[in-house]
Amino acid sequence: MKAKPETDFFYMVYEVVRLVPYGRVTTYGAIAKYLGVKGSSRMVGWAMNASHSHHSPVPAHRVVNREGVLTGKNHFSSPTMMQELLESEGLRVKGDKVQDFKKFFWDPAEEIHL
């Protein structure tokens, strides 16, 4: 049985997210752009919301919005879990926003060469 196209897309998103280095963050838009669907940040967000039920771990806490805001925090087991995970990797979060965001931003387009 062939997987549904959205499932294939979600799988590709998860594969990119698994490559985000420890202590770094990326954005929904950067992932969409890398996958060739620029402007589909929302679809990446939907994939991230579903990632907690995926059979292989996906470090969803490393995906934030374009300003470094933890917009996905309500999809974790507690409202503070996303922040706690990022802080455990050495990032500082204040007011639900990654501090020094540009310093810790990881762009898959610049790092992944397939």
N, C-alpha and C. Protein backbone atom coordinates (compact mmCIF):
# COMPACT_ATOMS: atom_id res chain seq x y z
N MET A 1 0.84 -1.18 0.00
CA MET A 1 0.00 0.00 0.00
C MET A 1 0.89 1.25 0.00
N LYS A 2 0.61 2.17 -0.89
CA LYS A 2 1.40 3.40 -0.99
C LYS A 2 0.97 4.39 0.10
N ALA A 3 1.97 5.06 0.70
CA ALA A 3 1.69 6.04 1.73
C ALA A 3 1.00 7.26 1.12
N LYS A 4 0.16 7.92 1.93
CA LYS A 4 -0.50 9.14 1.48
C LYS A 4 0.55 10.22 1.28
N PRO A 5 0.35 11.12 0.31
CA PRO A 5 1.32 12.19 0.06
C PRO A 5 1.64 13.01 1.30
N GLU A 6 0.63 13.32 2.16
CA GLU A 6 0.95 14.12 3.34
C GLU A 6 1.84 13.33 4.28
N THR A 7 1.67 12.02 4.33
CA THR A 7 2.53 11.19 5.16
C THR A 7 3.95 11.23 4.64
N ASP A 8 4.12 11.18 3.31
CA ASP A 8 5.44 11.28 2.72
C ASP A 8 6.08 12.63 3.06
N PHE A 9 5.29 13.69 2.99
CA PHE A 9 5.78 15.02 3.32
C PHE A 9 6.19 15.06 4.80
N PHE A 10 5.35 14.54 5.66
CA PHE A 10 5.66 14.52 7.09
C PHE A 10 6.97 13.76 7.32
N TYR A 11 7.13 12.64 6.65
CA TYR A 11 8.35 11.86 6.79
C TYR A 11 9.57 12.68 6.38
N MET A 12 9.48 13.42 5.28
CA MET A 12 10.61 14.25 4.84
C MET A 12 10.90 15.35 5.87
N VAL A 13 9.86 15.95 6.43
CA VAL A 13 10.04 16.96 7.47
C VAL A 13 10.78 16.34 8.65
N TYR A 14 10.35 15.17 9.09
CA TYR A 14 10.97 14.52 10.25
C TYR A 14 12.45 14.20 9.98
N GLU A 15 12.75 13.81 8.78
CA GLU A 15 14.14 13.51 8.44
C GLU A 15 15.01 14.76 8.53
N VAL A 16 14.50 15.89 8.09
CA VAL A 16 15.25 17.15 8.20
C VAL A 16 15.41 17.54 9.67
N VAL A 17 14.33 17.45 10.43
CA VAL A 17 14.37 17.84 11.84
C VAL A 17 15.37 16.98 12.62
N ARG A 18 15.47 15.73 12.27
CA ARG A 18 16.43 14.84 12.95
C ARG A 18 17.88 15.27 12.71
N LEU A 19 18.12 16.08 11.69
CA LEU A 19 19.47 16.55 11.38
C LEU A 19 19.84 17.86 12.09
N VAL A 20 18.86 18.51 12.71
CA VAL A 20 19.15 19.76 13.42
C VAL A 20 20.11 19.44 14.57
N PRO A 21 21.26 20.07 14.59
CA PRO A 21 22.25 19.74 15.62
C PRO A 21 21.78 20.09 17.04
N TYR A 22 22.27 19.35 17.98
CA TYR A 22 22.05 19.60 19.40
C TYR A 22 22.44 21.05 19.70
N GLY A 23 21.59 21.75 20.43
CA GLY A 23 21.90 23.13 20.79
C GLY A 23 21.62 24.15 19.71
N ARG A 24 20.94 23.75 18.65
CA ARG A 24 20.61 24.65 17.54
C ARG A 24 19.10 24.57 17.30
N VAL A 25 18.57 25.55 16.58
CA VAL A 25 17.16 25.55 16.21
C VAL A 25 17.02 25.92 14.74
N THR A 26 15.90 25.52 14.18
CA THR A 26 15.56 25.91 12.82
C THR A 26 14.12 26.38 12.82
N THR A 27 13.62 26.77 11.65
CA THR A 27 12.26 27.28 11.57
C THR A 27 11.41 26.44 10.62
N TYR A 28 10.10 26.62 10.79
CA TYR A 28 9.16 25.94 9.89
C TYR A 28 9.43 26.37 8.45
N GLY A 29 9.66 27.65 8.26
CA GLY A 29 9.91 28.17 6.92
C GLY A 29 11.19 27.68 6.30
N ALA A 30 12.25 27.56 7.10
CA ALA A 30 13.52 27.06 6.58
C ALA A 30 13.39 25.61 6.12
N ILE A 31 12.61 24.84 6.86
CA ILE A 31 12.39 23.44 6.47
C ILE A 31 11.58 23.39 5.19
N ALA A 32 10.52 24.18 5.11
CA ALA A 32 9.69 24.20 3.91
C ALA A 32 10.51 24.61 2.69
N LYS A 33 11.30 25.64 2.85
CA LYS A 33 12.14 26.11 1.73
C LYS A 33 13.11 25.02 1.30
N TYR A 34 13.75 24.36 2.26
CA TYR A 34 14.69 23.30 1.92
C TYR A 34 14.00 22.16 1.15
N LEU A 35 12.76 21.86 1.54
CA LEU A 35 12.03 20.77 0.89
C LEU A 35 11.40 21.19 -0.44
N GLY A 36 11.63 22.45 -0.84
CA GLY A 36 11.14 22.90 -2.13
C GLY A 36 9.69 23.32 -2.13
N VAL A 37 9.15 23.61 -0.96
CA VAL A 37 7.76 24.05 -0.86
C VAL A 37 7.70 25.36 -0.06
N LYS A 38 8.53 26.30 -0.47
CA LYS A 38 8.57 27.61 0.18
C LYS A 38 7.15 28.15 0.29
N GLY A 39 6.83 28.70 1.43
CA GLY A 39 5.49 29.20 1.66
C GLY A 39 4.58 28.17 2.31
N SER A 40 5.10 27.01 2.60
CA SER A 40 4.31 25.95 3.23
C SER A 40 4.72 25.72 4.68
N SER A 41 5.06 26.79 5.36
CA SER A 41 5.46 26.69 6.77
C SER A 41 4.37 26.03 7.61
N ARG A 42 3.15 26.36 7.29
CA ARG A 42 2.03 25.81 8.06
C ARG A 42 1.97 24.29 7.94
N MET A 43 2.25 23.77 6.75
CA MET A 43 2.27 22.30 6.57
C MET A 43 3.37 21.68 7.43
N VAL A 44 4.52 22.35 7.51
CA VAL A 44 5.60 21.87 8.37
C VAL A 44 5.13 21.88 9.82
N GLY A 45 4.40 22.92 10.20
CA GLY A 45 3.84 22.99 11.55
C GLY A 45 2.90 21.84 11.83
N TRP A 46 2.06 21.49 10.87
CA TRP A 46 1.16 20.35 11.05
C TRP A 46 1.96 19.07 11.24
N ALA A 47 3.02 18.92 10.48
CA ALA A 47 3.87 17.74 10.63
C ALA A 47 4.49 17.70 12.02
N MET A 48 4.94 18.87 12.50
CA MET A 48 5.56 18.91 13.82
C MET A 48 4.53 18.59 14.91
N ASN A 49 3.30 19.07 14.74
CA ASN A 49 2.26 18.77 15.72
C ASN A 49 1.98 17.28 15.81
N ALA A 50 2.15 16.58 14.70
CA ALA A 50 1.90 15.14 14.68
C ALA A 50 3.14 14.32 15.02
N SER A 51 4.28 14.96 15.16
CA SER A 51 5.55 14.24 15.34
C SER A 51 5.63 13.46 16.64
N HIS A 52 4.87 13.86 17.64
CA HIS A 52 4.95 13.19 18.94
C HIS A 52 4.38 11.77 18.88
N SER A 53 3.57 11.49 17.86
CA SER A 53 3.02 10.14 17.73
C SER A 53 3.83 9.29 16.75
N HIS A 54 4.92 9.85 16.23
CA HIS A 54 5.75 9.11 15.27
C HIS A 54 6.56 8.05 16.01
N HIS A 55 6.78 6.92 15.37
CA HIS A 55 7.45 5.79 16.02
C HIS A 55 8.93 6.05 16.32
N SER A 56 9.58 6.91 15.57
CA SER A 56 10.99 7.25 15.83
C SER A 56 11.04 8.67 16.38
N PRO A 57 11.87 8.91 17.39
CA PRO A 57 11.93 10.25 18.00
C PRO A 57 12.25 11.36 16.99
N VAL A 58 11.55 12.46 17.13
CA VAL A 58 11.76 13.65 16.31
C VAL A 58 12.00 14.80 17.29
N PRO A 59 13.16 15.47 17.24
CA PRO A 59 13.43 16.56 18.18
C PRO A 59 12.65 17.83 17.83
N ALA A 60 11.34 17.75 17.96
CA ALA A 60 10.44 18.83 17.58
C ALA A 60 10.71 20.12 18.34
N HIS A 61 11.31 20.01 19.50
CA HIS A 61 11.60 21.22 20.30
C HIS A 61 12.59 22.14 19.61
N ARG A 62 13.30 21.65 18.61
CA ARG A 62 14.29 22.46 17.89
C ARG A 62 13.70 23.24 16.72
N VAL A 63 12.38 23.20 16.57
CA VAL A 63 11.72 23.92 15.48
C VAL A 63 10.87 25.04 16.08
N VAL A 64 11.18 26.26 15.68
CA VAL A 64 10.50 27.45 16.20
C VAL A 64 10.03 28.31 15.03
N ASN A 65 9.36 29.40 15.33
CA ASN A 65 8.93 30.25 14.21
C ASN A 65 10.07 31.15 13.75
N ARG A 66 9.83 31.95 12.75
CA ARG A 66 10.90 32.74 12.11
C ARG A 66 11.52 33.79 13.01
N GLU A 67 10.89 34.05 14.16
CA GLU A 67 11.44 35.01 15.11
C GLU A 67 12.03 34.32 16.34
N GLY A 68 12.02 32.99 16.33
CA GLY A 68 12.56 32.24 17.45
C GLY A 68 11.57 31.98 18.56
N VAL A 69 10.29 32.19 18.30
CA VAL A 69 9.25 32.00 19.30
C VAL A 69 8.82 30.54 19.32
N LEU A 70 8.58 30.03 20.52
CA LEU A 70 8.20 28.64 20.73
C LEU A 70 6.71 28.45 20.46
N THR A 71 6.30 28.60 19.23
CA THR A 71 4.89 28.54 18.88
C THR A 71 4.31 27.13 19.01
N GLY A 72 5.14 26.11 19.02
CA GLY A 72 4.66 24.74 19.13
C GLY A 72 4.61 24.22 20.55
N LYS A 73 4.84 25.06 21.52
CA LYS A 73 4.98 24.61 22.91
C LYS A 73 3.75 23.90 23.46
N ASN A 74 2.57 24.24 22.96
CA ASN A 74 1.35 23.62 23.48
C ASN A 74 1.13 22.19 22.99
N HIS A 75 2.00 21.73 22.10
CA HIS A 75 1.87 20.37 21.59
C HIS A 75 2.80 19.40 22.32
N PHE A 76 3.42 19.88 23.38
CA PHE A 76 4.29 19.03 24.21
C PHE A 76 3.50 18.58 25.44
N SER A 77 4.08 17.67 26.20
CA SER A 77 3.37 17.09 27.35
C SER A 77 3.06 18.11 28.43
N SER A 78 3.78 19.21 28.46
CA SER A 78 3.47 20.31 29.37
C SER A 78 3.82 21.61 28.66
N PRO A 79 3.23 22.73 29.06
CA PRO A 79 3.50 24.00 28.39
C PRO A 79 4.95 24.48 28.50
N THR A 80 5.70 23.93 29.44
CA THR A 80 7.09 24.35 29.62
C THR A 80 8.10 23.35 29.07
N MET A 81 7.64 22.21 28.58
CA MET A 81 8.54 21.14 28.15
C MET A 81 9.45 21.58 27.00
N MET A 82 8.94 22.29 26.02
CA MET A 82 9.75 22.72 24.88
C MET A 82 10.89 23.61 25.37
N GLN A 83 10.57 24.55 26.23
CA GLN A 83 11.59 25.43 26.79
C GLN A 83 12.61 24.65 27.60
N GLU A 84 12.15 23.72 28.41
CA GLU A 84 13.05 22.91 29.23
C GLU A 84 14.02 22.12 28.36
N LEU A 85 13.53 21.54 27.28
CA LEU A 85 14.39 20.76 26.38
C LEU A 85 15.44 21.65 25.72
N LEU A 86 15.03 22.83 25.27
CA LEU A 86 15.99 23.75 24.65
C LEU A 86 17.02 24.22 25.67
N GLU A 87 16.59 24.52 26.86
CA GLU A 87 17.52 24.97 27.90
C GLU A 87 18.48 23.86 28.31
N SER A 88 18.01 22.62 28.25
CA SER A 88 18.90 21.49 28.58
C SER A 88 20.01 21.34 27.54
N GLU A 89 19.81 21.96 26.35
CA GLU A 89 20.81 21.93 25.29
C GLU A 89 21.65 23.21 25.27
N GLY A 90 21.46 24.04 26.28
CA GLY A 90 22.28 25.24 26.42
C GLY A 90 21.70 26.52 25.85
N LEU A 91 20.51 26.47 25.28
CA LEU A 91 19.88 27.68 24.76
C LEU A 91 19.15 28.40 25.89
N ARG A 92 19.05 29.70 25.76
CA ARG A 92 18.30 30.49 26.73
C ARG A 92 16.98 30.88 26.09
N VAL A 93 15.92 30.76 26.88
CA VAL A 93 14.59 31.12 26.41
C VAL A 93 14.00 32.10 27.41
N LYS A 94 13.50 33.20 26.89
CA LYS A 94 12.88 34.22 27.74
C LYS A 94 11.61 34.68 27.05
N GLY A 95 10.50 34.67 27.79
CA GLY A 95 9.23 35.07 27.18
C GLY A 95 8.85 34.22 25.99
N ASP A 96 9.11 32.92 26.07
CA ASP A 96 8.82 31.96 24.99
C ASP A 96 9.59 32.24 23.71
N LYS A 97 10.73 32.90 23.82
CA LYS A 97 11.54 33.22 22.64
C LYS A 97 12.99 32.83 22.88
N VAL A 98 13.60 32.16 21.89
CA VAL A 98 15.01 31.79 21.97
C VAL A 98 15.85 33.06 21.92
N GLN A 99 16.69 33.22 22.92
CA GLN A 99 17.57 34.38 22.99
C GLN A 99 18.76 34.16 22.05
N ASP A 100 19.26 35.20 21.44
CA ASP A 100 20.34 35.10 20.45
C ASP A 100 19.96 34.13 19.33
N PHE A 101 18.70 34.23 18.91
CA PHE A 101 18.15 33.32 17.91
C PHE A 101 19.03 33.18 16.67
N LYS A 102 19.49 34.30 16.12
CA LYS A 102 20.29 34.24 14.89
C LYS A 102 21.58 33.46 15.09
N LYS A 103 22.14 33.53 16.27
CA LYS A 103 23.37 32.80 16.58
C LYS A 103 23.15 31.29 16.57
N PHE A 104 21.97 30.86 16.99
CA PHE A 104 21.69 29.43 17.12
C PHE A 104 20.86 28.86 15.97
N PHE A 105 20.50 29.72 15.02
CA PHE A 105 19.69 29.28 13.88
C PHE A 105 20.50 28.36 12.97
N TRP A 106 19.89 27.26 12.60
CA TRP A 106 20.50 26.28 11.69
C TRP A 106 19.65 26.24 10.42
N ASP A 107 20.27 26.51 9.29
CA ASP A 107 19.56 26.52 8.01
C ASP A 107 19.89 25.23 7.26
N PRO A 108 18.89 24.36 7.09
CA PRO A 108 19.17 23.10 6.38
C PRO A 108 19.68 23.32 4.96
N ALA A 109 19.27 24.39 4.31
CA ALA A 109 19.72 24.65 2.95
C ALA A 109 21.22 24.91 2.86
N GLU A 110 21.78 25.43 3.94
CA GLU A 110 23.22 25.71 3.96
C GLU A 110 24.04 24.53 4.48
N GLU A 111 23.37 23.60 5.15
CA GLU A 111 24.09 22.53 5.82
C GLU A 111 23.93 21.16 5.19
N ILE A 112 22.79 20.90 4.54
CA ILE A 112 22.53 19.58 3.98
C ILE A 112 22.79 19.61 2.48
N HIS A 113 23.68 18.81 2.05
CA HIS A 113 24.02 18.75 0.62
C HIS A 113 23.76 17.34 0.12
N LEU A 114 22.61 17.18 -0.53
CA LEU A 114 22.24 15.85 -1.04
C LEU A 114 22.57 15.70 -2.50
